[in-house]
Protein backbone atom coordinates (compact mmCIF):
# COMPACT_ATOMS: atom_id res chain seq x y z
CA MET A 1 -68.11 165.77 -79.09
CA GLN A 2 -70.34 165.83 -75.99
CA THR A 3 -70.16 162.07 -75.40
CA ASN A 4 -66.36 162.13 -75.16
CA SER A 5 -66.54 165.17 -72.90
CA ASN A 6 -68.97 163.38 -70.61
CA ILE A 7 -66.72 160.33 -70.38
CA ALA A 8 -63.76 162.55 -69.46
CA ALA A 9 -65.94 164.43 -66.95
CA ALA A 10 -67.01 161.14 -65.36
CA GLY A 11 -63.36 160.17 -64.88
CA LEU A 12 -62.60 163.51 -63.26
CA ALA A 13 -65.60 163.16 -60.93
CA LEU A 14 -64.50 159.66 -59.91
CA ALA A 15 -60.96 160.85 -59.17
CA ALA A 16 -62.25 163.80 -57.14
CA SER A 17 -64.56 161.55 -55.13
CA GLY A 18 -61.75 159.12 -54.38
CA ILE A 19 -59.53 161.91 -53.07
CA LEU A 20 -62.23 163.67 -51.05
CA SER A 21 -63.45 160.46 -49.43
CA PHE A 22 -59.87 159.65 -48.40
CA ILE A 23 -59.05 163.00 -46.80
CA ASP A 24 -62.46 163.18 -45.08
CA ASN A 25 -61.51 160.10 -43.10
CA PHE A 26 -59.18 162.34 -41.11
CA VAL A 27 -61.68 165.08 -40.22
CA PHE A 28 -62.31 163.35 -36.89
CA ALA A 29 -58.62 163.72 -36.06
CA VAL A 30 -58.87 167.42 -36.87
CA SER A 31 -61.89 167.76 -34.57
CA GLN A 32 -59.73 166.57 -31.68
CA GLU A 33 -57.40 169.52 -32.19
CA ALA A 34 -59.61 172.53 -33.07
CA GLY A 35 -63.10 173.64 -34.13
CA LEU A 36 -64.75 173.59 -37.53
CA TRP A 37 -64.39 177.30 -38.24
CA GLN A 38 -60.73 177.42 -37.28
CA PHE A 39 -60.16 174.40 -39.50
CA GLN A 40 -61.90 176.09 -42.44
CA ALA A 41 -59.96 179.31 -41.98
CA PHE A 42 -56.57 177.57 -41.79
CA ARG A 43 -57.41 175.24 -44.65
CA THR A 44 -58.02 178.27 -46.86
CA LEU A 45 -54.73 179.82 -45.75
CA PHE A 46 -52.96 176.67 -46.89
CA ALA A 47 -55.08 176.06 -49.99
CA VAL A 48 -54.80 179.45 -51.65
CA PRO A 49 -50.98 179.39 -52.04
CA LEU A 50 -51.22 175.82 -53.34
CA LEU A 51 -53.80 176.93 -55.89
CA LEU A 52 -51.64 179.85 -56.96
CA LEU A 53 -48.64 177.56 -57.38
CA GLY A 54 -50.63 174.95 -59.30
CA ALA A 55 -52.16 177.54 -61.61
CA PHE A 56 -48.68 178.98 -62.30
CA LEU A 57 -47.11 175.58 -63.05
CA LEU A 58 -50.02 174.49 -65.25
CA ARG A 59 -50.32 177.94 -66.84
CA GLN A 60 -53.98 178.16 -65.89
CA PRO A 61 -55.54 181.62 -65.44
CA LEU A 62 -56.83 182.56 -62.00
CA ARG A 63 -58.47 185.82 -62.95
CA ALA A 64 -62.24 185.65 -63.19
CA VAL A 65 -63.77 186.03 -66.65
CA ASN A 66 -67.05 187.20 -65.11
CA LEU A 67 -66.67 188.02 -61.42
CA PRO A 68 -70.40 188.39 -60.57
CA ARG A 69 -71.22 185.01 -62.10
CA LEU A 70 -68.24 183.34 -60.47
CA SER A 71 -69.20 184.87 -57.13
CA LEU A 72 -72.76 183.56 -57.45
CA ARG A 73 -71.51 180.06 -58.20
CA SER A 74 -68.98 180.19 -55.35
CA ALA A 75 -71.60 181.38 -52.87
CA ALA A 76 -74.08 178.65 -53.82
CA VAL A 77 -71.57 175.79 -53.52
CA SER A 78 -69.90 177.17 -50.39
CA ILE A 79 -73.11 177.87 -48.48
CA GLY A 80 -74.34 174.40 -49.37
CA LEU A 81 -71.20 172.82 -47.98
CA LEU A 82 -71.28 174.97 -44.85
CA ILE A 83 -74.92 174.05 -44.18
CA TYR A 84 -73.93 170.41 -44.52
CA PHE A 85 -71.16 170.83 -41.93
CA ALA A 86 -73.57 172.70 -39.66
CA ALA A 87 -76.07 169.86 -39.96
CA LEU A 88 -73.39 167.44 -38.83
CA GLY A 89 -73.43 169.25 -35.48
CA THR A 90 -77.04 168.20 -34.78
CA LEU A 91 -77.79 165.20 -37.02
CA PRO A 92 -76.29 161.77 -37.53
CA VAL A 93 -73.88 161.58 -40.46
CA ALA A 94 -76.27 159.24 -42.32
CA GLN A 95 -79.11 161.78 -42.31
CA ALA A 96 -76.87 164.70 -43.21
CA GLY A 97 -75.19 162.73 -45.98
CA ALA A 98 -78.48 161.49 -47.42
CA GLY A 99 -79.65 165.09 -47.72
CA LEU A 100 -76.46 166.35 -49.33
CA PHE A 101 -76.56 163.58 -51.90
CA SER A 102 -79.96 164.81 -53.02
CA ALA A 103 -77.91 167.24 -55.14
CA PRO A 104 -78.26 165.18 -58.37
CA ILE A 105 -82.04 165.31 -58.00
CA TRP A 106 -81.89 169.11 -57.70
CA VAL A 107 -79.50 169.33 -60.67
CA LEU A 108 -82.00 167.39 -62.75
CA LEU A 109 -85.01 169.47 -61.70
CA LEU A 110 -83.26 172.83 -61.93
CA SER A 111 -81.84 171.93 -65.36
CA ALA A 112 -85.40 171.51 -66.61
CA LEU A 113 -86.91 174.48 -64.74
CA LEU A 114 -84.20 177.09 -65.30
CA PHE A 115 -82.52 176.08 -68.54
CA GLY A 116 -85.20 174.11 -70.37
CA THR A 117 -83.17 170.92 -70.50
CA ARG A 118 -85.21 167.98 -71.75
CA ILE A 119 -85.00 165.04 -69.37
CA GLY A 120 -86.09 161.65 -70.63
CA ALA A 121 -88.01 159.16 -68.51
CA LEU A 122 -85.11 156.71 -68.48
CA GLN A 123 -82.66 159.43 -67.42
CA LEU A 124 -84.99 160.39 -64.60
CA LEU A 125 -85.23 156.76 -63.56
CA ALA A 126 -81.41 156.45 -63.53
CA ILE A 127 -81.05 159.53 -61.32
CA LEU A 128 -83.74 158.38 -58.89
CA THR A 129 -82.25 154.89 -58.79
CA GLY A 130 -78.85 156.32 -57.93
CA PHE A 131 -80.38 158.34 -55.11
CA GLY A 132 -82.16 155.24 -53.85
CA GLY A 133 -78.83 153.40 -53.83
CA ALA A 134 -77.31 156.23 -51.82
CA LEU A 135 -80.07 155.91 -49.22
CA MET A 136 -79.46 152.15 -49.03
CA LEU A 137 -75.79 152.87 -48.40
CA LEU A 138 -76.34 155.68 -45.88
CA GLN A 139 -79.33 154.02 -44.15
CA PRO A 140 -80.87 157.09 -42.45
CA ASP A 141 -83.13 156.41 -39.46
CA ILE A 142 -86.57 157.63 -40.61
CA ALA A 143 -88.00 157.29 -37.10
CA THR A 144 -85.71 160.05 -35.81
CA LEU A 145 -86.22 162.58 -38.62
CA THR A 146 -86.88 166.15 -37.38
CA PRO A 147 -87.40 169.58 -39.02
CA ALA A 148 -83.63 170.02 -38.73
CA SER A 149 -83.35 167.21 -41.26
CA LEU A 150 -84.26 169.77 -43.93
CA MET A 151 -80.86 171.41 -43.46
CA PRO A 152 -78.98 168.75 -45.45
CA LEU A 153 -81.65 168.92 -48.16
CA ALA A 154 -81.02 172.65 -48.38
CA ALA A 155 -77.32 171.86 -48.62
CA GLY A 156 -78.02 169.47 -51.47
CA LEU A 157 -80.15 172.08 -53.25
CA LEU A 158 -77.50 174.79 -53.05
CA TYR A 159 -74.63 172.46 -53.91
CA GLY A 160 -76.55 171.13 -56.91
CA PHE A 161 -77.46 174.67 -57.98
CA GLY A 162 -73.81 175.68 -57.81
CA MET A 163 -72.73 172.73 -59.93
CA LEU A 164 -75.43 173.60 -62.46
CA LEU A 165 -74.19 177.19 -62.62
CA THR A 166 -70.70 175.86 -63.32
CA ARG A 167 -71.84 174.46 -66.64
CA HIS A 168 -74.28 177.18 -67.69
CA ILE A 169 -72.67 180.48 -66.64
CA CYS A 170 -69.10 179.69 -65.58
CA VAL A 171 -67.93 177.44 -68.41
CA GLN A 172 -65.30 180.01 -69.46
CA GLU A 173 -63.74 180.11 -66.00
CA SER A 174 -60.66 178.00 -65.39
CA ALA A 175 -60.78 175.14 -62.90
CA PRO A 176 -58.30 176.92 -60.53
CA ALA A 177 -60.48 180.06 -60.60
CA LEU A 178 -63.59 178.03 -59.74
CA ALA A 179 -61.76 176.30 -56.90
CA LEU A 180 -60.30 179.57 -55.62
CA GLY A 181 -63.77 181.10 -55.41
CA ILE A 182 -64.99 178.30 -53.13
CA PHE A 183 -61.96 178.38 -50.85
CA LEU A 184 -62.07 182.16 -50.48
CA PHE A 185 -65.79 182.14 -49.66
CA ILE A 186 -65.56 179.27 -47.15
CA GLY A 187 -62.36 180.67 -45.66
CA GLY A 188 -63.94 184.10 -45.23
CA ALA A 189 -66.99 182.53 -43.61
CA GLY A 190 -64.70 180.50 -41.37
CA ILE A 191 -62.88 183.60 -40.15
CA VAL A 192 -66.13 185.47 -39.47
CA MET A 193 -67.66 182.54 -37.60
CA LEU A 194 -64.45 181.87 -35.67
CA VAL A 195 -64.42 185.46 -34.41
CA PHE A 196 -68.12 185.19 -33.56
CA VAL A 197 -67.89 181.94 -31.56
CA SER A 198 -64.68 183.11 -29.85
CA LEU A 199 -66.26 186.37 -28.66
CA MET A 200 -69.55 184.84 -27.53
CA PRO A 201 -70.19 184.81 -23.77
CA GLY A 202 -69.09 181.47 -22.42
CA ALA A 203 -66.91 180.72 -25.44
CA ASP A 204 -65.45 177.24 -25.03
CA PRO A 205 -62.11 176.21 -26.62
CA VAL A 206 -62.89 172.55 -25.90
CA GLY A 207 -66.59 172.59 -26.78
CA PRO A 208 -68.40 170.96 -29.73
CA PHE A 209 -66.67 170.96 -33.11
CA LEU A 210 -69.26 173.34 -34.59
CA THR A 211 -69.06 176.05 -31.90
CA ARG A 212 -65.53 175.64 -30.56
CA ALA A 213 -63.66 178.89 -29.97
CA TRP A 214 -60.10 179.69 -31.00
CA VAL A 215 -57.34 177.40 -29.70
CA THR A 216 -53.61 177.66 -30.19
CA PRO A 217 -52.86 175.52 -33.27
CA SER A 218 -50.89 172.38 -32.49
CA PRO A 219 -48.33 170.92 -34.93
CA ARG A 220 -50.69 167.97 -35.47
CA PHE A 221 -53.55 170.31 -36.40
CA LEU A 222 -51.35 172.22 -38.84
CA TRP A 223 -50.13 169.06 -40.58
CA LEU A 224 -53.63 167.57 -40.78
CA THR A 225 -55.01 170.82 -42.15
CA LEU A 226 -52.24 171.10 -44.74
CA PHE A 227 -52.99 167.53 -45.80
CA GLN A 228 -56.68 168.37 -46.09
CA ALA A 229 -55.97 171.54 -48.05
CA ALA A 230 -53.71 169.83 -50.56
CA GLY A 231 -56.20 167.05 -51.21
CA ALA A 232 -59.13 169.45 -51.39
CA VAL A 233 -57.35 171.71 -53.89
CA VAL A 234 -56.83 168.81 -56.25
CA ALA A 235 -60.31 167.34 -55.77
CA VAL A 236 -62.23 170.64 -56.04
CA SER A 237 -60.30 171.54 -59.19
CA LEU A 238 -61.09 168.15 -60.72
CA ILE A 239 -64.81 168.35 -59.99
CA ALA A 240 -64.97 171.93 -61.24
CA GLN A 241 -63.38 170.84 -64.51
CA ALA A 242 -65.80 167.91 -64.72
CA TYR A 243 -68.81 170.23 -64.52
CA ARG A 244 -67.22 172.63 -66.99
CA ILE A 245 -66.93 170.01 -69.75
CA GLY A 246 -69.72 167.56 -68.89
CA THR A 247 -73.50 167.61 -68.70
CA PRO A 248 -74.39 168.47 -65.05
CA ALA A 249 -77.11 165.83 -64.66
CA PHE A 250 -74.69 163.20 -66.00
CA VAL A 251 -71.67 164.24 -63.93
CA SER A 252 -73.71 164.44 -60.72
CA VAL A 253 -74.45 160.71 -60.88
CA PHE A 254 -70.74 159.92 -60.62
CA GLU A 255 -70.42 161.99 -57.47
CA TYR A 256 -72.29 159.15 -55.77
CA SER A 257 -69.00 157.25 -56.07
CA PHE A 258 -67.92 159.29 -53.03
CA LEU A 259 -70.03 156.91 -50.96
CA ILE A 260 -68.42 153.86 -52.53
CA PHE A 261 -64.92 155.17 -51.97
CA ALA A 262 -65.85 156.16 -48.40
CA CYS A 263 -66.77 152.55 -47.62
CA LEU A 264 -63.59 151.25 -49.21
CA TRP A 265 -61.32 153.73 -47.41
CA SER A 266 -63.05 153.06 -44.08
CA PHE A 267 -62.35 149.37 -44.50
CA LEU A 268 -58.76 149.80 -45.70
CA LEU A 269 -57.83 152.43 -43.10
CA TRP A 270 -59.87 151.44 -40.06
CA GLY A 271 -61.16 147.94 -40.79
CA THR A 272 -64.80 149.12 -40.75
CA ALA A 273 -66.80 146.89 -43.09
CA ALA A 274 -70.11 147.84 -44.75
CA ASN A 275 -73.15 145.59 -44.24
CA SER A 276 -75.03 143.74 -46.98
CA LEU A 277 -77.58 146.53 -47.50
CA ALA A 278 -74.77 149.04 -48.00
CA TRP A 279 -73.10 146.85 -50.62
CA ALA A 280 -76.47 146.44 -52.35
CA GLY A 281 -76.69 150.22 -52.44
CA ILE A 282 -73.23 150.40 -54.00
CA ALA A 283 -74.35 147.98 -56.73
CA VAL A 284 -77.43 150.13 -57.40
CA ILE A 285 -75.30 153.28 -57.63
CA ILE A 286 -72.90 151.69 -60.12
CA THR A 287 -75.81 150.42 -62.19
CA SER A 288 -77.41 153.86 -62.34
CA GLY A 289 -74.12 155.43 -63.43
CA LEU A 290 -73.63 152.88 -66.20
CA ALA A 291 -77.23 153.36 -67.32
CA MET A 292 -76.73 157.12 -67.54
CA THR A 293 -73.57 156.58 -69.61
CA LEU A 294 -75.42 154.37 -72.09
CA LEU A 295 -78.30 156.83 -72.32
CA GLN A 296 -75.90 159.70 -73.02
CA LYS A 297 -74.25 157.69 -75.83
CA ARG A 298 -77.64 156.83 -77.31
CA ASP A 299 -78.82 160.45 -77.29
CA ALA A 300 -75.53 161.91 -78.58
């Protein structure tokens, strides 16, 4: 029954968001040790064996059912995430994050345009309300918006498109196979970009996170990257499974919980408290998620 599947998918999305928001708190520590592309390359080197082990223990297939479709989905999600990381090199986190979390809007629109999904007015209102809550939480500075601000929106479009493909053309793929596709694509891109930035004239091993050249990995970098890889393997597998069994437009709302968990982890780990507008945004996000749940039950 679709309603039960959506409830299970929502739980998986919440768990994935909780894990991702926790491990992302330590990306700054990684940036003190090496560059983005070296981090992505090493994270893949750690993640792939973990995925292989997990798939073996859980008896989940890793072989692609349809390699071209899986590759398309992996490319869309991975490029979206890489654009988001690139945007972080030139934009404040709030602006980049606000663009990435436009993904549920794109999921909704693309569902209707590409797959003929009927979207009710109340469902549209719930999605838009959730996005409004995300903006209240992220609080982007409109006065400083530039053309580069479109980069995160492009990231949100591609990420949302990839999640939509998960449900419509990759539903027969296992969660480990879906996760493996993303890690291999991002890891490959990381290796290519690492070679590129390391061979550029004036390559700087202590430069900005986005363009930093190769540095000798420190034990701290290796441990932090292993920690990131382990958490990402679990989280990416959970979210892939959520989109396999749930309605994309419904599941995407619960990915907003990433922002809620991020605020909670920041407070618990670093003592950074959110302001009143941010907490109001959290309340709006929760309300939109509950509204979507009730609408799904009514339409089931």
